[in-house]
């Protein structure tokens, strides 16, 4: 082989090695860019999910606040109907008020509001508020009477029920 061919082969090998090195470097850089892109996409996805949760929580909190403000109106309906004299029970205008109350309860029901069970249930401080204790032959901690209804919105307690709770008779 002539020196010229050897030099040409050496130059070609060096060019191929340089091209291989450049290819490896370009592949490493492409892998780094791909990794950065994936991380950014994951961060953006997490950000979007977090923002969606925050918006849903804000809506839920606002709904709960509005509903809490309306519950005393429902209490007023209950008290008014209980205090109504017998001679007024059959008046037509009263049926109109009962219809309003039913619609109001229906709207709350559609919003996911439920009444907390009380009378005959075991007292649960997470959903009941004890306003009175009474000696009773019933099991201690049993709710005897409800003074004010309690409500939940889903799993969240909007307002605890105010109740009278049985206690053991002192000997």
N, C-alpha and C. Protein backbone atom coordinates (compact mmCIF):
# COMPACT_ATOMS: atom_id res chain seq x y z
N UNK A 1 0.84 -1.17 0.00
CA UNK A 1 0.00 0.00 0.00
C UNK A 1 0.89 1.23 0.00
N UNK A 2 0.42 2.18 -0.71
CA UNK A 2 1.20 3.40 -0.78
C UNK A 2 0.90 4.28 0.41
N UNK A 3 1.84 5.16 0.64
CA UNK A 3 1.68 6.06 1.78
C UNK A 3 0.45 6.93 1.61
N UNK A 4 0.17 7.25 0.41
CA UNK A 4 -0.99 8.08 0.12
C UNK A 4 -2.28 7.36 0.50
N UNK A 5 -2.38 6.10 0.19
CA UNK A 5 -3.57 5.32 0.50
C UNK A 5 -3.68 5.11 2.01
N UNK A 6 -2.55 4.90 2.67
CA UNK A 6 -2.55 4.73 4.12
C UNK A 6 -3.03 6.01 4.79
N UNK A 7 -2.52 7.15 4.30
CA UNK A 7 -2.91 8.44 4.86
C UNK A 7 -4.38 8.69 4.61
N UNK A 8 -4.84 8.34 3.44
CA UNK A 8 -6.26 8.52 3.09
C UNK A 8 -7.12 7.63 3.97
N UNK A 9 -6.73 6.38 4.22
CA UNK A 9 -7.47 5.45 5.05
C UNK A 9 -7.50 5.95 6.50
N UNK A 10 -6.38 6.48 6.97
CA UNK A 10 -6.29 7.01 8.32
C UNK A 10 -7.21 8.20 8.47
N UNK A 11 -7.21 9.08 7.48
CA UNK A 11 -8.07 10.27 7.50
C UNK A 11 -9.53 9.84 7.48
N UNK A 12 -9.83 8.84 6.71
CA UNK A 12 -11.21 8.36 6.62
C UNK A 12 -11.63 7.75 7.95
N UNK A 13 -10.72 6.98 8.60
CA UNK A 13 -11.04 6.40 9.90
C UNK A 13 -11.26 7.48 10.93
N UNK A 14 -10.44 8.52 10.89
CA UNK A 14 -10.59 9.62 11.83
C UNK A 14 -11.92 10.35 11.60
N UNK A 15 -12.28 10.53 10.34
CA UNK A 15 -13.54 11.18 10.00
C UNK A 15 -14.71 10.34 10.48
N UNK A 16 -14.61 9.01 10.30
CA UNK A 16 -15.68 8.12 10.75
C UNK A 16 -15.78 8.13 12.28
N UNK A 17 -14.63 8.11 12.97
CA UNK A 17 -14.63 8.17 14.44
C UNK A 17 -15.23 9.48 14.91
N UNK A 18 -14.87 10.58 14.23
CA UNK A 18 -15.39 11.89 14.59
C UNK A 18 -16.91 11.92 14.37
N UNK A 19 -17.36 11.32 13.28
CA UNK A 19 -18.80 11.27 12.98
C UNK A 19 -19.52 10.41 14.03
N UNK A 20 -18.89 9.29 14.41
CA UNK A 20 -19.48 8.43 15.45
C UNK A 20 -19.58 9.18 16.77
N UNK A 21 -18.50 9.91 17.10
CA UNK A 21 -18.51 10.69 18.34
C UNK A 21 -19.60 11.76 18.30
N UNK A 22 -19.74 12.42 17.18
CA UNK A 22 -20.77 13.46 17.03
C UNK A 22 -22.17 12.84 17.12
N UNK A 23 -22.31 11.64 16.53
CA UNK A 23 -23.60 10.95 16.58
C UNK A 23 -23.94 10.59 18.02
N UNK A 24 -22.99 10.04 18.77
CA UNK A 24 -23.21 9.68 20.17
C UNK A 24 -23.57 10.93 20.97
N UNK A 25 -22.85 12.01 20.74
CA UNK A 25 -23.12 13.26 21.47
C UNK A 25 -24.52 13.77 21.13
N UNK A 26 -24.90 13.70 19.87
CA UNK A 26 -26.23 14.15 19.44
C UNK A 26 -27.32 13.26 20.04
N UNK A 27 -27.07 11.96 20.12
CA UNK A 27 -28.04 11.04 20.72
C UNK A 27 -28.19 11.31 22.22
N UNK A 28 -27.06 11.58 22.90
CA UNK A 28 -27.12 11.91 24.32
C UNK A 28 -27.89 13.20 24.55
N UNK A 29 -27.64 14.19 23.70
CA UNK A 29 -28.34 15.47 23.83
C UNK A 29 -29.84 15.28 23.54
N UNK A 30 -30.18 14.48 22.55
CA UNK A 30 -31.58 14.20 22.22
C UNK A 30 -32.26 13.50 23.39
N UNK A 31 -31.55 12.54 24.02
CA UNK A 31 -32.11 11.84 25.18
C UNK A 31 -32.33 12.81 26.33
N UNK A 32 -31.37 13.74 26.53
CA UNK A 32 -31.51 14.75 27.59
C UNK A 32 -32.71 15.66 27.31
N UNK A 33 -32.87 16.10 26.06
CA UNK A 33 -34.01 16.95 25.69
C UNK A 33 -35.34 16.20 25.89
N UNK A 34 -35.34 14.91 25.50
CA UNK A 34 -36.55 14.11 25.67
C UNK A 34 -36.89 13.97 27.15
N UNK A 35 -35.88 13.73 27.99
CA UNK A 35 -36.10 13.62 29.43
C UNK A 35 -36.63 14.94 29.99
N UNK A 36 -36.05 16.06 29.57
CA UNK A 36 -36.53 17.37 30.03
C UNK A 36 -37.97 17.61 29.57
N UNK A 37 -38.27 17.24 28.36
CA UNK A 37 -39.63 17.42 27.84
C UNK A 37 -40.62 16.59 28.65
N UNK A 38 -40.26 15.34 28.94
CA UNK A 38 -41.15 14.47 29.72
C UNK A 38 -41.38 15.03 31.12
N UNK A 39 -40.32 15.52 31.76
CA UNK A 39 -40.47 16.10 33.09
C UNK A 39 -41.37 17.33 33.05
N UNK A 40 -41.17 18.16 32.05
CA UNK A 40 -42.00 19.37 31.92
C UNK A 40 -43.45 18.99 31.67
N UNK A 41 -43.68 18.01 30.83
CA UNK A 41 -45.05 17.56 30.56
C UNK A 41 -45.69 17.00 31.83
N UNK A 42 -44.94 16.24 32.62
CA UNK A 42 -45.46 15.69 33.88
C UNK A 42 -45.75 16.81 34.88
N UNK A 43 -44.84 17.78 34.98
CA UNK A 43 -45.06 18.92 35.88
C UNK A 43 -46.30 19.70 35.47
N UNK A 44 -46.49 19.91 34.18
CA UNK A 44 -47.66 20.63 33.70
C UNK A 44 -48.94 19.85 34.00
N UNK A 45 -48.90 18.55 33.79
CA UNK A 45 -50.06 17.71 34.08
C UNK A 45 -50.41 17.78 35.57
N UNK A 46 -49.40 17.69 36.43
CA UNK A 46 -49.63 17.79 37.87
C UNK A 46 -50.17 19.17 38.25
N UNK A 47 -49.64 20.21 37.62
CA UNK A 47 -50.12 21.57 37.87
C UNK A 47 -51.60 21.69 37.49
N UNK A 48 -51.95 21.17 36.33
CA UNK A 48 -53.34 21.24 35.86
C UNK A 48 -54.27 20.48 36.81
N UNK A 49 -53.85 19.29 37.26
CA UNK A 49 -54.67 18.52 38.21
C UNK A 49 -54.82 19.26 39.53
N UNK A 50 -53.73 19.86 40.01
CA UNK A 50 -53.78 20.61 41.27
C UNK A 50 -54.73 21.80 41.14
N UNK A 51 -54.65 22.51 40.04
CA UNK A 51 -55.54 23.66 39.81
C UNK A 51 -57.00 23.20 39.71
N UNK A 52 -57.26 22.09 39.05
CA UNK A 52 -58.63 21.56 38.94
C UNK A 52 -59.17 21.22 40.33
N UNK A 53 -58.32 20.60 41.18
CA UNK A 53 -58.74 20.29 42.56
C UNK A 53 -59.02 21.56 43.35
N UNK A 54 -58.16 22.56 43.18
CA UNK A 54 -58.35 23.82 43.90
C UNK A 54 -59.65 24.50 43.49
N UNK A 55 -59.96 24.48 42.20
CA UNK A 55 -61.21 25.07 41.72
C UNK A 55 -62.40 24.29 42.27
N UNK A 56 -62.33 22.97 42.23
CA UNK A 56 -63.42 22.15 42.75
C UNK A 56 -63.61 22.39 44.25
N UNK A 57 -62.50 22.50 44.99
CA UNK A 57 -62.59 22.78 46.43
C UNK A 57 -63.21 24.15 46.69
N UNK A 58 -62.83 25.13 45.89
CA UNK A 58 -63.38 26.49 46.06
C UNK A 58 -64.89 26.49 45.78
N UNK A 59 -65.30 25.78 44.76
CA UNK A 59 -66.73 25.69 44.44
C UNK A 59 -67.47 24.98 45.56
N UNK A 60 -66.90 23.89 46.06
CA UNK A 60 -67.52 23.14 47.14
C UNK A 60 -67.64 23.99 48.40
N UNK A 61 -66.60 24.73 48.72
CA UNK A 61 -66.62 25.59 49.90
C UNK A 61 -67.66 26.69 49.75
N UNK A 62 -67.72 27.29 48.57
CA UNK A 62 -68.71 28.34 48.33
C UNK A 62 -70.13 27.78 48.42
N UNK A 63 -70.34 26.60 47.86
CA UNK A 63 -71.66 25.95 47.94
C UNK A 63 -72.03 25.68 49.39
N UNK A 64 -71.09 25.16 50.15
CA UNK A 64 -71.34 24.85 51.56
C UNK A 64 -71.69 26.11 52.33
N UNK A 65 -70.99 27.20 52.05
CA UNK A 65 -71.26 28.46 52.74
C UNK A 65 -72.67 28.97 52.43
N UNK A 66 -73.07 28.90 51.18
CA UNK A 66 -74.41 29.35 50.79
C UNK A 66 -75.47 28.47 51.46
N UNK A 67 -75.25 27.18 51.44
CA UNK A 67 -76.22 26.25 52.03
C UNK A 67 -76.32 26.49 53.54
N UNK A 68 -75.19 26.70 54.23
CA UNK A 68 -75.21 26.97 55.67
C UNK A 68 -76.07 28.19 55.98
N UNK A 69 -75.99 29.19 55.12
CA UNK A 69 -76.77 30.41 55.34
C UNK A 69 -78.26 30.19 55.11
N UNK A 70 -78.61 29.19 54.33
CA UNK A 70 -80.01 28.91 54.06
C UNK A 70 -80.66 27.98 55.08
N UNK A 71 -79.86 27.24 55.82
CA UNK A 71 -80.41 26.28 56.78
C UNK A 71 -81.32 26.93 57.84
N UNK A 72 -81.01 28.11 58.35
CA UNK A 72 -81.93 28.74 59.31
C UNK A 72 -83.32 29.01 58.72
N UNK A 73 -83.40 29.23 57.42
CA UNK A 73 -84.71 29.41 56.78
C UNK A 73 -85.51 28.11 56.89
N UNK A 74 -84.86 27.00 56.66
CA UNK A 74 -85.52 25.71 56.79
C UNK A 74 -85.94 25.46 58.24
N UNK A 75 -85.08 25.86 59.19
CA UNK A 75 -85.43 25.75 60.61
C UNK A 75 -86.68 26.57 60.92
N UNK A 76 -86.76 27.76 60.34
CA UNK A 76 -87.92 28.62 60.57
C UNK A 76 -89.20 27.98 60.05
N UNK A 77 -89.12 27.34 58.89
CA UNK A 77 -90.29 26.61 58.37
C UNK A 77 -90.71 25.52 59.36
N UNK A 78 -89.74 24.73 59.84
CA UNK A 78 -90.06 23.65 60.79
C UNK A 78 -90.74 24.20 62.04
N UNK A 79 -90.16 25.27 62.62
CA UNK A 79 -90.74 25.84 63.84
C UNK A 79 -92.13 26.41 63.57
N UNK A 80 -92.31 27.07 62.45
CA UNK A 80 -93.62 27.66 62.12
C UNK A 80 -94.68 26.58 61.98
N UNK A 81 -94.36 25.49 61.30
CA UNK A 81 -95.35 24.42 61.11
C UNK A 81 -95.67 23.72 62.44
N UNK A 82 -94.68 23.58 63.31
CA UNK A 82 -94.92 22.94 64.61
C UNK A 82 -95.77 23.82 65.52
N UNK A 83 -95.62 25.14 65.40
CA UNK A 83 -96.33 26.07 66.28
C UNK A 83 -97.71 26.46 65.75
N UNK A 84 -98.06 25.98 64.59
CA UNK A 84 -99.33 26.36 63.97
C UNK A 84 -100.52 25.79 64.74
N UNK A 85 -101.49 26.62 65.11
CA UNK A 85 -102.68 26.13 65.81
C UNK A 85 -103.48 25.16 64.93
N UNK A 86 -104.18 24.24 65.57
CA UNK A 86 -104.96 23.22 64.86
C UNK A 86 -105.99 23.82 63.92
N UNK A 87 -106.62 24.93 64.31
CA UNK A 87 -107.67 25.51 63.48
C UNK A 87 -107.14 26.10 62.17
N UNK A 88 -105.82 26.31 62.07
CA UNK A 88 -105.24 26.86 60.83
C UNK A 88 -104.60 25.78 59.95
N UNK A 89 -104.58 24.54 60.41
CA UNK A 89 -103.89 23.45 59.69
C UNK A 89 -104.44 23.20 58.29
N UNK A 90 -105.71 23.50 58.04
CA UNK A 90 -106.34 23.14 56.77
C UNK A 90 -106.47 24.31 55.78
N UNK A 91 -105.91 25.43 56.08
CA UNK A 91 -106.04 26.58 55.19
C UNK A 91 -105.24 26.36 53.90
N UNK A 92 -105.80 26.83 52.79
CA UNK A 92 -105.17 26.64 51.48
C UNK A 92 -103.83 27.35 51.38
N UNK A 93 -103.72 28.55 51.95
CA UNK A 93 -102.47 29.29 51.87
C UNK A 93 -101.33 28.56 52.58
N UNK A 94 -101.70 27.77 53.61
CA UNK A 94 -100.69 26.99 54.32
C UNK A 94 -100.08 25.93 53.41
N UNK A 95 -100.90 25.34 52.55
CA UNK A 95 -100.38 24.35 51.59
C UNK A 95 -99.35 24.99 50.66
N UNK A 96 -99.55 26.26 50.33
CA UNK A 96 -98.56 26.98 49.52
C UNK A 96 -97.21 27.06 50.22
N UNK A 97 -97.25 27.34 51.53
CA UNK A 97 -96.00 27.39 52.30
C UNK A 97 -95.36 26.01 52.42
N UNK A 98 -96.20 24.99 52.56
CA UNK A 98 -95.65 23.62 52.62
C UNK A 98 -95.01 23.24 51.29
N UNK A 99 -95.61 23.69 50.19
CA UNK A 99 -95.03 23.44 48.87
C UNK A 99 -93.67 24.13 48.74
N UNK A 100 -93.58 25.36 49.23
CA UNK A 100 -92.30 26.09 49.21
C UNK A 100 -91.25 25.32 50.01
N UNK A 101 -91.63 24.83 51.18
CA UNK A 101 -90.71 24.07 52.01
C UNK A 101 -90.25 22.80 51.29
N UNK A 102 -91.18 22.08 50.66
CA UNK A 102 -90.83 20.85 49.94
C UNK A 102 -89.86 21.14 48.80
N UNK A 103 -90.11 22.22 48.06
CA UNK A 103 -89.20 22.59 46.96
C UNK A 103 -87.82 22.95 47.50
N UNK A 104 -87.81 23.66 48.62
CA UNK A 104 -86.55 24.04 49.24
C UNK A 104 -85.75 22.80 49.63
N UNK A 105 -86.44 21.84 50.27
CA UNK A 105 -85.78 20.59 50.65
C UNK A 105 -85.32 19.80 49.43
N UNK A 106 -86.10 19.85 48.36
CA UNK A 106 -85.75 19.15 47.13
C UNK A 106 -84.48 19.74 46.51
N UNK A 107 -84.36 21.06 46.53
CA UNK A 107 -83.16 21.72 46.00
C UNK A 107 -81.94 21.30 46.82
N UNK A 108 -82.09 21.28 48.14
CA UNK A 108 -80.98 20.86 49.00
C UNK A 108 -80.61 19.40 48.73
N UNK A 109 -81.63 18.57 48.55
CA UNK A 109 -81.40 17.15 48.26
C UNK A 109 -80.63 17.00 46.94
N UNK A 110 -81.02 17.74 45.93
CA UNK A 110 -80.33 17.67 44.64
C UNK A 110 -78.89 18.17 44.73
N UNK A 111 -78.62 19.06 45.69
CA UNK A 111 -77.27 19.57 45.89
C UNK A 111 -76.41 18.59 46.69
N UNK A 112 -77.02 17.49 47.18
CA UNK A 112 -76.27 16.49 47.93
C UNK A 112 -76.34 16.68 49.43
N UNK A 113 -77.25 17.52 49.91
CA UNK A 113 -77.41 17.75 51.34
C UNK A 113 -78.30 16.67 51.93
N UNK A 114 -77.84 16.08 53.04
CA UNK A 114 -78.63 15.06 53.72
C UNK A 114 -78.80 15.44 55.19
N UNK A 115 -79.89 14.97 55.79
CA UNK A 115 -80.16 15.21 57.20
C UNK A 115 -79.40 14.18 58.02
N UNK A 116 -78.82 14.62 59.12
CA UNK A 116 -78.10 13.72 60.03
C UNK A 116 -79.13 13.03 60.92
N UNK A 117 -79.05 11.70 60.98
CA UNK A 117 -79.98 10.92 61.82
C UNK A 117 -79.70 11.22 63.29
N UNK A 118 -80.78 11.26 64.09
CA UNK A 118 -80.58 11.60 65.50
C UNK A 118 -81.32 10.67 66.45
N UNK A 119 -82.61 10.87 66.66
CA UNK A 119 -83.36 10.18 67.71
C UNK A 119 -83.20 8.66 67.58
N UNK A 120 -82.79 8.06 68.71
CA UNK A 120 -82.57 6.62 68.75
C UNK A 120 -81.16 6.21 68.37
N UNK A 121 -80.39 7.12 67.81
CA UNK A 121 -79.01 6.83 67.40
C UNK A 121 -78.06 7.03 68.58
N UNK A 122 -76.86 6.48 68.46
CA UNK A 122 -75.80 6.73 69.45
C UNK A 122 -75.25 8.13 69.21
N UNK A 123 -74.96 8.84 70.29
CA UNK A 123 -74.38 10.17 70.19
C UNK A 123 -73.00 10.08 69.56
N UNK A 124 -72.77 10.89 68.54
CA UNK A 124 -71.48 10.94 67.85
C UNK A 124 -71.05 12.40 67.81
N UNK A 125 -70.02 12.76 68.57
CA UNK A 125 -69.62 14.18 68.65
C UNK A 125 -69.17 14.78 67.31
N UNK A 126 -68.91 13.95 66.32
CA UNK A 126 -68.51 14.51 65.02
C UNK A 126 -69.71 15.01 64.22
N UNK A 127 -70.93 14.54 64.58
CA UNK A 127 -72.12 14.95 63.84
C UNK A 127 -73.24 15.45 64.74
N UNK A 128 -73.09 15.29 66.06
CA UNK A 128 -74.11 15.73 67.00
C UNK A 128 -73.51 16.71 67.99
N UNK A 129 -74.35 17.62 68.46
CA UNK A 129 -73.96 18.56 69.51
C UNK A 129 -74.93 18.36 70.66
N UNK A 130 -74.40 18.01 71.82
CA UNK A 130 -75.25 17.75 72.97
C UNK A 130 -75.65 19.07 73.62
N UNK A 131 -76.96 19.33 73.67
CA UNK A 131 -77.47 20.54 74.30
C UNK A 131 -78.02 20.23 75.68
N UNK A 132 -78.32 18.96 75.95
CA UNK A 132 -78.87 18.59 77.25
C UNK A 132 -78.65 17.10 77.50
N UNK A 133 -78.59 16.78 78.77
CA UNK A 133 -78.52 15.38 79.21
C UNK A 133 -79.77 15.12 80.02
N UNK A 134 -80.27 13.89 79.93
CA UNK A 134 -81.46 13.53 80.71
C UNK A 134 -81.29 12.12 81.22
N UNK A 135 -81.62 11.93 82.48
CA UNK A 135 -81.58 10.58 83.03
C UNK A 135 -82.65 9.76 82.34
N UNK A 136 -82.27 8.54 81.98
CA UNK A 136 -83.19 7.71 81.21
C UNK A 136 -82.88 6.25 81.44
N UNK A 137 -83.89 5.42 81.21
CA UNK A 137 -83.67 3.98 81.30
C UNK A 137 -83.08 3.44 80.00
N UNK A 138 -82.98 4.30 78.99
CA UNK A 138 -82.36 3.90 77.72
C UNK A 138 -80.84 3.86 77.90
N UNK A 139 -80.18 3.21 76.98
CA UNK A 139 -78.73 3.07 77.04
C UNK A 139 -78.06 4.45 77.04
N UNK A 140 -77.05 4.59 77.87
CA UNK A 140 -76.35 5.86 77.96
C UNK A 140 -75.74 6.22 76.60
N UNK A 141 -75.90 7.48 76.24
CA UNK A 141 -75.36 7.94 74.96
C UNK A 141 -76.36 7.86 73.82
N UNK A 142 -77.57 7.38 74.10
CA UNK A 142 -78.62 7.32 73.09
C UNK A 142 -79.27 8.70 72.97
N UNK A 143 -79.53 9.13 71.77
CA UNK A 143 -80.16 10.43 71.56
C UNK A 143 -81.67 10.29 71.80
N UNK A 144 -82.17 11.13 72.70
CA UNK A 144 -83.58 11.08 73.09
C UNK A 144 -84.44 12.06 72.29
N UNK A 145 -83.87 13.21 71.98
CA UNK A 145 -84.67 14.26 71.33
C UNK A 145 -83.76 15.11 70.46
N UNK A 146 -84.35 15.65 69.41
CA UNK A 146 -83.61 16.53 68.50
C UNK A 146 -84.15 17.94 68.67
N UNK A 147 -83.26 18.88 68.96
CA UNK A 147 -83.65 20.28 69.08
C UNK A 147 -83.50 21.02 67.76
N UNK A 148 -82.47 20.67 67.02
CA UNK A 148 -82.22 21.31 65.72
C UNK A 148 -81.60 20.27 64.80
N UNK A 149 -82.11 20.21 63.58
CA UNK A 149 -81.59 19.24 62.60
C UNK A 149 -80.15 19.57 62.24
N UNK A 150 -79.41 18.51 61.95
CA UNK A 150 -78.05 18.65 61.46
C UNK A 150 -78.02 18.23 60.00
N UNK A 151 -77.05 18.76 59.26
CA UNK A 151 -76.98 18.49 57.83
C UNK A 151 -75.54 18.20 57.40
N UNK A 152 -75.44 17.38 56.36
CA UNK A 152 -74.16 17.07 55.71
C UNK A 152 -74.25 17.46 54.24
N UNK A 153 -73.11 17.79 53.70
CA UNK A 153 -72.97 17.96 52.25
C UNK A 153 -71.92 16.94 51.84
N UNK A 154 -72.39 15.82 51.30
CA UNK A 154 -71.49 14.71 51.02
C UNK A 154 -71.00 14.16 52.35
N UNK A 155 -69.69 14.11 52.56
CA UNK A 155 -69.12 13.63 53.81
C UNK A 155 -68.87 14.75 54.81
N UNK A 156 -69.01 15.99 54.36
CA UNK A 156 -68.70 17.15 55.20
C UNK A 156 -69.92 17.55 56.03
N UNK A 157 -69.72 17.74 57.33
CA UNK A 157 -70.79 18.19 58.20
C UNK A 157 -70.95 19.69 58.03
N UNK A 158 -72.14 20.09 57.57
CA UNK A 158 -72.43 21.52 57.43
C UNK A 158 -72.79 22.13 58.78
N UNK A 159 -73.60 21.37 59.52
CA UNK A 159 -74.03 21.82 60.84
C UNK A 159 -74.37 20.58 61.65
N UNK A 160 -73.80 20.45 62.85
CA UNK A 160 -74.14 19.28 63.67
C UNK A 160 -75.58 19.39 64.19
N UNK A 161 -76.19 18.27 64.42
CA UNK A 161 -77.53 18.24 65.00
C UNK A 161 -77.43 18.55 66.49
N UNK A 162 -78.35 19.39 66.99
CA UNK A 162 -78.38 19.71 68.41
C UNK A 162 -79.38 18.76 69.07
N UNK A 163 -78.91 18.01 70.08
CA UNK A 163 -79.72 16.91 70.62
C UNK A 163 -79.69 16.84 72.15
N UNK A 164 -80.64 16.05 72.67
CA UNK A 164 -80.66 15.69 74.08
C UNK A 164 -80.22 14.24 74.16
N UNK A 165 -79.30 13.95 75.10
CA UNK A 165 -78.68 12.63 75.19
C UNK A 165 -79.03 11.97 76.52
N UNK A 166 -79.27 10.66 76.47
CA UNK A 166 -79.58 9.88 77.67
C UNK A 166 -78.32 9.67 78.50
N UNK A 167 -78.53 9.74 79.81
CA UNK A 167 -77.44 9.38 80.73
C UNK A 167 -78.04 8.44 81.76
N UNK A 168 -77.19 7.68 82.40
CA UNK A 168 -77.66 6.70 83.39
C UNK A 168 -78.26 7.43 84.60
N UNK A 169 -79.33 6.84 85.08
CA UNK A 169 -79.94 7.40 86.28
C UNK A 169 -79.01 7.19 87.46
N UNK A 170 -78.84 8.22 88.27
CA UNK A 170 -77.96 8.08 89.42
C UNK A 170 -78.65 7.26 90.50
N UNK A 171 -77.86 6.41 91.10
CA UNK A 171 -78.44 5.48 92.10
C UNK A 171 -78.62 6.11 93.44
